[in-house]
């Protein structure tokens, strides 16, 4: 049977290296110390497999932390990443819970920041909805973001966007068509677009 031949703490990396039969090595986070079999222990195949699962989960958690340093991630996105990376379910749940306790996942804050960017760019509800879907924030957070956007007049944002891009009215027919296309790309519906352009139909 496989035997634990060495257990070596690595304090600089907060890890413990478990050696099996003098060859196979697993690098585990030091928080797992209480569950690591003592040196000299004989292991069944499933126990060796569990050590492999634990190592893969710890590597995936370090990978996630690097991603979270770049930008915020929603709980669903984190869960999907772990599933894609092949982290076993109970290990993935532990990682998500740990990140949640540390405050490293906040759907509401992520959605609020998206709403603020939408307001600053002059985006409409449709564009924000697409962004929130991409971020995979939960429904309460998405609703809060849309409410935040709604508190800023959609028509005023559309008017400001048109003037910024095309100058003050009146606009010639070609400019009106370009402005209408811009508003559509930014997520404004046709009614708001027509009101902002001051037309009932496009020329």
Foldseek 3Di string as FASTA:
>chain_A
DKFFADWAQDVVVQWIWTDIPNPDIAIAHVVCVVVDDDGGDDDDPVVVVVSVLRRLLVVVLVVVVVVLVVDAAALVVQLVSCVVSPRDDVSSVVSSVVCVVVVSHDLLVVLQVLLVVLLVQLFDPQLSVVVSVVRVRDDVSNVVSSVVNVVPPSLVSLLVNLCVVPNDDDDDLVSLVVSLVVRVVRPDDPVSSCVSNVHPDRD
